[in-house]
């Protein structure tokens, strides 16, 4: 999820997985996979930066942390 701002100044949170593409025309338009369009105050570059950070954080797992998926062997040892 990324925090953005509508043109009227109202903050909202968007599921970045739904972003299909982002355009600058001159305002920033975000088109979602649903076909819905949202106009935001943030620049196209800022929306891209936040979306990339979100995707990276979603897949980040610190070294040494256990796997999220259990195997039959790990369940039997608990």
Protein backbone atom coordinates (compact mmCIF):
# COMPACT_ATOMS: atom_id res chain seq x y z
CA UNK A 1 0.00 0.00 0.00
CA UNK A 2 1.26 3.49 -0.80
CA UNK A 3 0.07 6.80 0.61
CA UNK A 4 -0.89 9.42 -2.01
CA UNK A 5 -2.79 12.72 -2.16
CA UNK A 6 -5.81 13.56 -4.32
CA UNK A 7 -5.79 16.92 -6.13
CA UNK A 8 -8.07 18.37 -3.46
CA UNK A 9 -5.46 17.60 -0.79
CA UNK A 10 -7.18 14.52 0.63
CA UNK A 11 -4.69 11.77 1.53
CA UNK A 12 -5.54 8.16 0.70
CA UNK A 13 -3.83 4.78 0.53
CA UNK A 14 -3.66 2.82 -2.72
CA UNK A 15 -2.91 -0.85 -3.25
CA UNK A 16 0.15 -0.49 -5.50
CA UNK A 17 -0.48 -3.96 -6.95
CA UNK A 18 -3.46 -2.44 -8.80
CA UNK A 19 -1.41 0.15 -10.72
CA UNK A 20 -1.51 -0.55 -14.45
CA UNK A 21 0.31 2.62 -15.54
CA UNK A 22 1.10 6.20 -14.49
CA UNK A 23 0.94 9.25 -16.79
CA UNK A 24 1.97 12.89 -16.52
CA UNK A 25 -0.49 15.03 -18.50
CA UNK A 26 0.36 17.62 -16.82
CA UNK A 27 -1.28 16.26 -13.64
CA UNK A 28 -0.35 12.73 -12.57
CA UNK A 29 -2.93 10.14 -13.62
CA UNK A 30 -2.85 6.61 -12.25
CA UNK A 31 -4.78 4.00 -14.20
CA UNK A 32 -5.63 0.88 -12.22
CA UNK A 33 -6.04 -2.66 -13.47
CA UNK A 34 -9.78 -2.16 -12.91
CA UNK A 35 -9.83 0.68 -15.48
CA UNK A 36 -10.42 3.31 -12.79
CA UNK A 37 -8.34 6.50 -13.09
CA UNK A 38 -7.08 8.54 -10.15
CA UNK A 39 -5.47 12.00 -10.32
CA UNK A 40 -2.89 12.74 -7.62
CA UNK A 41 -0.66 15.61 -6.48
CA UNK A 42 2.51 13.50 -6.44
CA UNK A 43 4.74 13.49 -9.51
CA UNK A 44 4.91 10.48 -11.78
CA UNK A 45 8.44 9.84 -10.52
CA UNK A 46 7.30 9.93 -6.87
CA UNK A 47 4.45 7.49 -7.52
CA UNK A 48 6.92 5.16 -9.26
CA UNK A 49 9.41 5.47 -6.38
CA UNK A 50 6.77 4.62 -3.77
CA UNK A 51 5.42 1.72 -5.82
CA UNK A 52 8.92 0.26 -6.25
CA UNK A 53 9.68 0.64 -2.52
CA UNK A 54 6.38 -1.08 -1.72
CA UNK A 55 7.19 -4.00 -4.03
CA UNK A 56 10.70 -4.32 -2.57
CA UNK A 57 9.37 -4.27 1.00
CA UNK A 58 6.77 -6.88 0.11
CA UNK A 59 9.48 -9.32 -0.96
CA UNK A 60 12.08 -8.42 1.68
CA UNK A 61 13.10 -11.11 4.14
CA UNK A 62 16.06 -10.43 6.45
CA UNK A 63 18.88 -12.99 6.35
CA UNK A 64 18.43 -15.69 8.96
CA UNK A 65 14.65 -15.42 9.30
CA UNK A 66 12.70 -18.64 8.94
CA UNK A 67 10.78 -19.38 5.74
CA UNK A 68 7.11 -18.45 5.80
CA UNK A 69 6.01 -21.77 4.29
CA UNK A 70 6.21 -24.87 6.46
CA UNK A 71 7.34 -28.18 5.11
CA UNK A 72 6.01 -31.48 6.49
CA UNK A 73 9.43 -32.01 8.12
CA UNK A 74 9.39 -28.64 9.92
CA UNK A 75 5.86 -29.20 11.21
CA UNK A 76 6.73 -32.63 12.63
CA UNK A 77 9.74 -31.17 14.52
CA UNK A 78 7.69 -28.50 16.33
